[in-house]
N, C-alpha and C. Protein backbone atom coordinates (compact mmCIF):
# COMPACT_ATOMS: atom_id res chain seq x y z
N MET A 1 94.29 11.11 266.97
CA MET A 1 92.72 11.33 267.72
C MET A 1 91.63 10.56 267.12
N THR A 2 90.82 9.63 267.98
CA THR A 2 89.51 9.39 267.23
C THR A 2 88.25 10.09 267.56
N ILE A 3 87.56 10.37 266.39
CA ILE A 3 85.66 10.97 267.53
C ILE A 3 84.84 9.56 267.12
N ASP A 4 84.80 10.02 268.89
CA ASP A 4 83.34 8.51 269.20
C ASP A 4 81.99 9.09 268.74
N LYS A 5 82.11 8.80 267.43
CA LYS A 5 80.75 9.44 266.43
C LYS A 5 79.43 8.84 267.31
N ASP A 6 79.24 8.15 268.60
CA ASP A 6 77.84 7.46 268.95
C ASP A 6 77.68 8.48 270.13
N THR A 7 79.10 9.42 270.90
CA THR A 7 78.67 10.65 272.08
C THR A 7 78.85 11.29 271.68
N LEU A 8 77.66 12.04 272.80
CA LEU A 8 77.43 13.51 272.81
C LEU A 8 77.35 14.36 274.17
N LEU A 9 78.46 15.18 274.08
CA LEU A 9 78.45 15.52 275.46
C LEU A 9 77.91 16.73 275.04
N ILE A 10 77.07 17.12 276.76
CA ILE A 10 76.41 18.06 276.65
C ILE A 10 77.20 18.64 278.34
N VAL A 11 77.24 19.86 278.17
CA VAL A 11 77.76 20.44 279.60
C VAL A 11 76.94 21.81 279.43
N LYS A 12 76.75 22.02 280.99
CA LYS A 12 75.41 22.69 281.26
C LYS A 12 75.77 23.90 282.45
N SER A 13 77.71 23.87 282.52
CA SER A 13 78.16 25.00 283.72
C SER A 13 79.32 25.48 282.92
N ASP A 14 80.16 26.28 283.85
CA ASP A 14 81.24 26.43 283.67
C ASP A 14 81.88 25.87 284.53
N GLN A 15 81.65 25.44 285.31
CA GLN A 15 82.75 24.71 286.56
C GLN A 15 81.58 23.44 286.85
N PHE A 16 83.11 22.72 287.41
CA PHE A 16 82.79 20.94 288.07
C PHE A 16 82.68 21.48 289.38
N GLY A 17 81.12 20.66 289.72
CA GLY A 17 81.19 21.23 291.51
C GLY A 17 80.22 22.40 291.12
N ALA A 18 79.43 22.38 292.63
CA ALA A 18 78.41 23.67 292.59
C ALA A 18 79.47 24.35 294.37
N ASP A 19 80.36 24.08 294.62
CA ASP A 19 80.38 24.57 296.16
C ASP A 19 81.30 25.74 296.16
N GLU A 20 82.22 25.12 295.89
CA GLU A 20 84.11 25.83 295.19
C GLU A 20 84.31 26.83 294.15
N PRO A 21 83.98 27.72 293.76
CA PRO A 21 84.35 28.15 292.40
C PRO A 21 85.74 27.96 292.17
N ASP A 22 87.04 28.17 292.75
CA ASP A 22 87.79 27.66 292.53
C ASP A 22 88.55 26.23 291.88
N LEU A 23 87.81 24.85 293.00
CA LEU A 23 87.84 24.00 292.97
C LEU A 23 86.94 23.68 291.49
N GLY A 24 85.44 24.30 291.53
CA GLY A 24 85.13 23.58 289.84
C GLY A 24 85.73 24.32 289.01
N ALA A 25 86.62 25.35 288.83
CA ALA A 25 87.25 25.94 287.56
C ALA A 25 88.67 25.18 287.78
N LYS A 26 88.98 24.55 288.40
CA LYS A 26 90.37 23.15 288.51
C LYS A 26 90.19 22.59 287.98
N LEU A 27 88.33 21.79 288.64
CA LEU A 27 87.87 19.98 287.94
C LEU A 27 87.52 20.33 286.34
N THR A 28 87.34 21.64 285.80
CA THR A 28 86.93 22.21 284.59
C THR A 28 87.50 21.59 283.95
N GLN A 29 88.46 21.98 284.37
CA GLN A 29 90.53 22.66 283.17
C GLN A 29 90.82 21.03 283.44
N ALA A 30 90.60 20.76 283.96
CA ALA A 30 91.40 18.96 284.31
C ALA A 30 90.08 18.36 283.76
N PHE A 31 89.02 18.61 283.59
CA PHE A 31 88.48 17.07 282.53
C PHE A 31 88.47 17.56 281.08
N PHE A 32 89.15 18.79 280.88
CA PHE A 32 89.09 18.87 279.70
C PHE A 32 90.62 18.64 279.06
N ALA A 33 91.10 18.56 279.83
CA ALA A 33 92.77 18.52 279.35
C ALA A 33 93.12 16.08 279.70
N CYS A 34 92.05 16.02 280.75
CA CYS A 34 92.58 14.49 280.51
C CYS A 34 91.01 14.23 279.16
N LEU A 35 90.72 14.85 278.77
CA LEU A 35 89.53 14.33 277.53
C LEU A 35 90.17 13.74 276.13
N LEU A 36 91.28 15.52 276.64
CA LEU A 36 91.87 15.07 275.13
C LEU A 36 93.04 14.52 274.91
N GLU A 37 93.78 14.38 276.31
CA GLU A 37 94.57 13.32 276.27
C GLU A 37 94.15 11.68 276.65
N SER A 38 93.05 11.58 276.90
CA SER A 38 92.54 10.17 276.22
C SER A 38 92.40 9.87 274.57
N GLY A 39 92.30 10.60 273.96
CA GLY A 39 92.50 10.27 272.36
C GLY A 39 91.09 9.35 271.78
N SER A 40 90.40 9.87 272.64
CA SER A 40 88.83 9.97 272.15
C SER A 40 88.18 10.83 272.14
N LEU A 41 87.61 11.58 271.42
CA LEU A 41 86.43 12.67 271.58
C LEU A 41 85.58 12.30 271.16
N PRO A 42 84.16 13.18 271.78
CA PRO A 42 83.21 12.89 271.10
C PRO A 42 82.71 13.25 270.34
N ASP A 43 81.42 12.88 269.38
CA ASP A 43 81.05 13.53 267.72
C ASP A 43 80.42 14.81 268.15
N GLU A 44 79.96 15.61 269.21
CA GLU A 44 79.53 16.90 269.06
C GLU A 44 79.33 17.05 271.03
N MET A 45 79.49 18.22 271.24
CA MET A 45 80.01 18.85 272.61
C MET A 45 78.56 20.26 272.33
N ILE A 46 77.74 20.35 272.88
CA ILE A 46 77.06 21.21 273.43
C ILE A 46 76.86 22.39 274.72
N PHE A 47 77.13 23.33 274.43
CA PHE A 47 77.18 24.60 275.84
C PHE A 47 75.82 24.84 275.85
N MET A 48 75.33 24.60 277.00
CA MET A 48 74.33 24.70 277.62
C MET A 48 74.02 25.72 279.18
N ALA A 49 73.36 27.01 279.77
CA ALA A 49 72.94 27.15 280.68
C ALA A 49 74.43 28.55 280.90
N ARG A 50 75.32 27.61 282.39
CA ARG A 50 76.25 28.83 282.02
C ARG A 50 77.53 27.64 281.76
N GLY A 51 76.83 27.24 280.48
CA GLY A 51 78.11 26.10 280.05
C GLY A 51 78.99 27.09 278.63
N VAL A 52 77.71 27.86 278.21
CA VAL A 52 78.17 29.16 277.40
C VAL A 52 79.58 29.41 277.93
N PHE A 53 79.73 30.12 278.99
CA PHE A 53 80.57 30.56 278.96
C PHE A 53 82.59 30.13 278.64
N LEU A 54 82.02 28.89 278.52
CA LEU A 54 83.48 28.08 278.36
C LEU A 54 83.46 28.37 276.63
N ALA A 55 82.65 28.63 275.98
CA ALA A 55 82.81 28.62 274.45
C ALA A 55 82.48 30.19 273.99
N THR A 56 83.06 30.97 275.63
CA THR A 56 83.29 32.59 274.34
C THR A 56 84.10 32.64 275.37
N GLU A 57 84.64 34.68 274.99
CA GLU A 57 85.93 35.40 275.38
C GLU A 57 85.93 35.04 277.53
N GLY A 58 86.52 34.88 277.86
CA GLY A 58 87.51 34.90 278.72
C GLY A 58 87.81 33.23 279.13
N THR A 59 87.05 32.51 278.34
CA THR A 59 87.41 31.00 278.43
C THR A 59 88.55 30.37 278.97
N PRO A 60 88.66 29.40 280.78
CA PRO A 60 89.77 29.29 280.41
C PRO A 60 90.02 27.90 279.48
N VAL A 61 89.97 27.61 278.68
CA VAL A 61 89.68 26.50 277.76
C VAL A 61 89.91 26.44 277.00
N LEU A 62 89.80 27.15 276.30
CA LEU A 62 89.99 28.29 275.05
C LEU A 62 91.00 27.09 273.96
N ASP A 63 92.26 26.89 274.45
CA ASP A 63 93.15 26.05 273.96
C ASP A 63 91.81 25.01 273.23
N MET A 64 92.07 24.13 274.94
CA MET A 64 91.35 22.64 275.01
C MET A 64 90.64 22.43 273.98
N LEU A 65 89.40 23.67 273.91
CA LEU A 65 88.27 23.11 273.26
C LEU A 65 88.68 23.87 271.71
N GLU A 66 89.50 24.46 271.22
CA GLU A 66 90.03 24.99 269.89
C GLU A 66 90.81 23.43 268.87
N LYS A 67 91.58 22.99 270.15
CA LYS A 67 92.16 21.67 270.01
C LYS A 67 90.68 20.25 269.40
N ILE A 68 89.94 20.69 270.27
CA ILE A 68 88.85 19.32 270.01
C ILE A 68 88.01 19.64 268.81
N ALA A 69 87.93 20.92 268.91
CA ALA A 69 87.27 20.59 267.37
C ALA A 69 87.56 20.89 266.81
N GLY A 70 89.48 21.40 266.13
CA GLY A 70 90.22 20.76 265.85
C GLY A 70 90.25 19.81 265.15
N ALA A 71 89.82 18.54 265.89
CA ALA A 71 90.05 17.32 265.71
C ALA A 71 89.10 16.65 265.21
N GLY A 72 87.87 17.28 264.96
CA GLY A 72 86.55 17.27 264.50
C GLY A 72 85.00 16.59 264.85
N THR A 73 84.90 17.26 266.45
CA THR A 73 84.14 17.34 267.32
C THR A 73 83.15 18.23 266.86
N ARG A 74 82.06 18.56 266.65
CA ARG A 74 80.65 19.73 266.06
C ARG A 74 81.00 20.28 268.60
N ILE A 75 81.02 21.78 267.87
CA ILE A 75 80.78 22.45 268.72
C ILE A 75 79.70 23.38 268.73
N SER A 76 78.91 23.45 269.83
CA SER A 76 77.73 24.68 269.74
C SER A 76 77.40 25.49 271.15
N SER A 77 77.30 26.65 271.09
CA SER A 77 76.04 26.53 272.56
C SER A 77 74.16 26.66 272.15
N CYS A 78 74.00 26.99 272.93
CA CYS A 78 71.97 27.01 273.41
C CYS A 78 72.38 29.04 272.77
N GLY A 79 71.70 28.86 271.97
CA GLY A 79 71.64 30.74 271.19
C GLY A 79 70.81 30.98 272.32
N THR A 80 69.81 30.66 272.63
CA THR A 80 69.48 31.06 274.05
C THR A 80 69.71 31.67 274.76
N CYS A 81 70.84 30.95 275.62
CA CYS A 81 71.70 31.07 276.69
C CYS A 81 72.27 32.11 276.14
N LEU A 82 73.08 31.88 275.77
CA LEU A 82 74.31 33.13 274.77
C LEU A 82 73.75 34.94 274.35
N ASP A 83 72.20 34.63 274.20
CA ASP A 83 71.47 35.60 274.65
C ASP A 83 70.74 36.25 276.19
N TYR A 84 70.83 34.78 276.46
CA TYR A 84 70.30 35.45 277.56
C TYR A 84 71.92 36.15 278.94
N TYR A 85 72.16 35.49 278.79
CA TYR A 85 74.10 36.17 279.52
C TYR A 85 74.34 37.27 278.53
N ASP A 86 73.77 37.47 277.01
CA ASP A 86 74.69 38.75 276.46
C ASP A 86 76.24 37.98 276.01
N ARG A 87 76.39 36.91 276.20
CA ARG A 87 77.18 36.49 275.06
C ARG A 87 77.51 36.16 273.47
N ARG A 88 76.45 36.06 272.93
CA ARG A 88 76.21 35.61 271.50
C ARG A 88 77.28 35.80 270.38
N GLU A 89 77.88 37.80 271.43
CA GLU A 89 78.90 38.64 269.99
C GLU A 89 80.35 38.09 270.48
N LYS A 90 80.26 37.10 271.85
CA LYS A 90 81.84 36.83 272.52
C LYS A 90 81.86 35.14 272.31
N LEU A 91 81.51 34.84 271.61
CA LEU A 91 81.32 33.60 271.71
C LEU A 91 82.45 32.92 270.32
N VAL A 92 84.34 32.24 270.78
CA VAL A 92 84.76 32.17 270.47
C VAL A 92 85.10 30.49 269.33
N VAL A 93 84.26 29.76 269.75
CA VAL A 93 84.66 28.38 270.09
C VAL A 93 83.49 27.45 269.86
N GLY A 94 83.09 27.79 268.26
CA GLY A 94 81.62 26.35 267.89
C GLY A 94 81.06 27.37 267.34
N VAL A 95 79.53 26.85 267.02
CA VAL A 95 78.52 28.05 266.84
C VAL A 95 77.51 28.18 267.50
N PRO A 96 76.62 29.35 267.02
CA PRO A 96 75.23 29.09 267.60
C PRO A 96 75.08 27.99 267.78
N GLY A 97 73.94 27.51 268.37
CA GLY A 97 72.79 25.98 269.04
C GLY A 97 70.93 26.70 268.51
N THR A 98 70.04 25.41 268.56
CA THR A 98 69.49 25.69 268.82
C THR A 98 68.47 24.73 269.67
N MET A 99 67.40 24.36 270.56
CA MET A 99 66.87 23.79 271.24
C MET A 99 66.47 22.86 269.96
N LYS A 100 65.61 23.05 268.83
CA LYS A 100 65.54 21.71 267.88
C LYS A 100 66.88 21.01 268.00
N GLY A 101 68.05 21.70 267.09
CA GLY A 101 69.10 20.86 266.94
C GLY A 101 69.82 19.87 268.64
N THR A 102 70.03 20.74 269.35
CA THR A 102 69.90 19.59 270.42
C THR A 102 68.87 18.03 270.91
N VAL A 103 67.52 18.79 270.27
CA VAL A 103 67.27 17.30 270.51
C VAL A 103 67.44 16.11 269.09
N GLU A 104 67.34 16.86 268.70
CA GLU A 104 68.02 15.63 267.40
C GLU A 104 69.42 14.93 267.93
N ALA A 105 70.44 16.13 268.19
CA ALA A 105 71.31 15.27 268.85
C ALA A 105 71.64 14.43 270.13
N ILE A 106 70.45 14.82 270.42
CA ILE A 106 70.23 13.96 271.60
C ILE A 106 69.18 12.58 270.80
N GLN A 107 68.53 12.64 270.32
CA GLN A 107 67.72 11.85 269.88
C GLN A 107 69.01 10.50 268.51
N THR A 108 69.82 10.88 268.49
CA THR A 108 70.88 11.02 267.18
C THR A 108 72.21 10.28 267.88
N HIS A 109 72.31 9.99 269.28
CA HIS A 109 73.52 9.37 269.83
C HIS A 109 73.08 8.80 270.97
N ALA A 110 73.77 7.40 270.73
CA ALA A 110 73.51 6.94 271.25
C ALA A 110 74.28 6.42 273.14
N LYS A 111 74.57 7.61 273.45
CA LYS A 111 75.67 7.95 274.69
C LYS A 111 75.60 9.56 274.41
N VAL A 112 74.53 9.98 275.42
CA VAL A 112 74.39 11.35 276.06
C VAL A 112 74.99 11.16 277.65
N VAL A 113 76.33 12.47 277.31
CA VAL A 113 77.27 12.11 278.78
C VAL A 113 77.00 14.34 278.81
N GLN A 114 76.98 13.88 280.60
CA GLN A 114 76.82 14.78 281.07
C GLN A 114 77.97 15.48 282.89
N PRO A 115 78.45 15.95 282.40
CA PRO A 115 79.76 15.45 283.35
C PRO A 115 79.21 16.77 284.62
């Protein structure tokens, strides 16, 4: 497994797509599975807005995110978002982040991806 030091992945939703929740959940799980299978992971992942639900208790992608973090990808979730959704105490993967940290990550990575 390699870490692409140039890449930052920002996840802003707990599902891919906006119309069908069941489909969105399946697409989200498929995305993280394919990311793991690709053999190349982003240097950092930041979860924002409803994306923080993917890094907290009850997440359907917990095993995959733990593998991604274990391979060396830094994972953080927006602290303001965690507080807004009352999820800070339920964070299970990564650490709470700040907007300052998000801006710095965007400025220091050559590729910022938002699936």
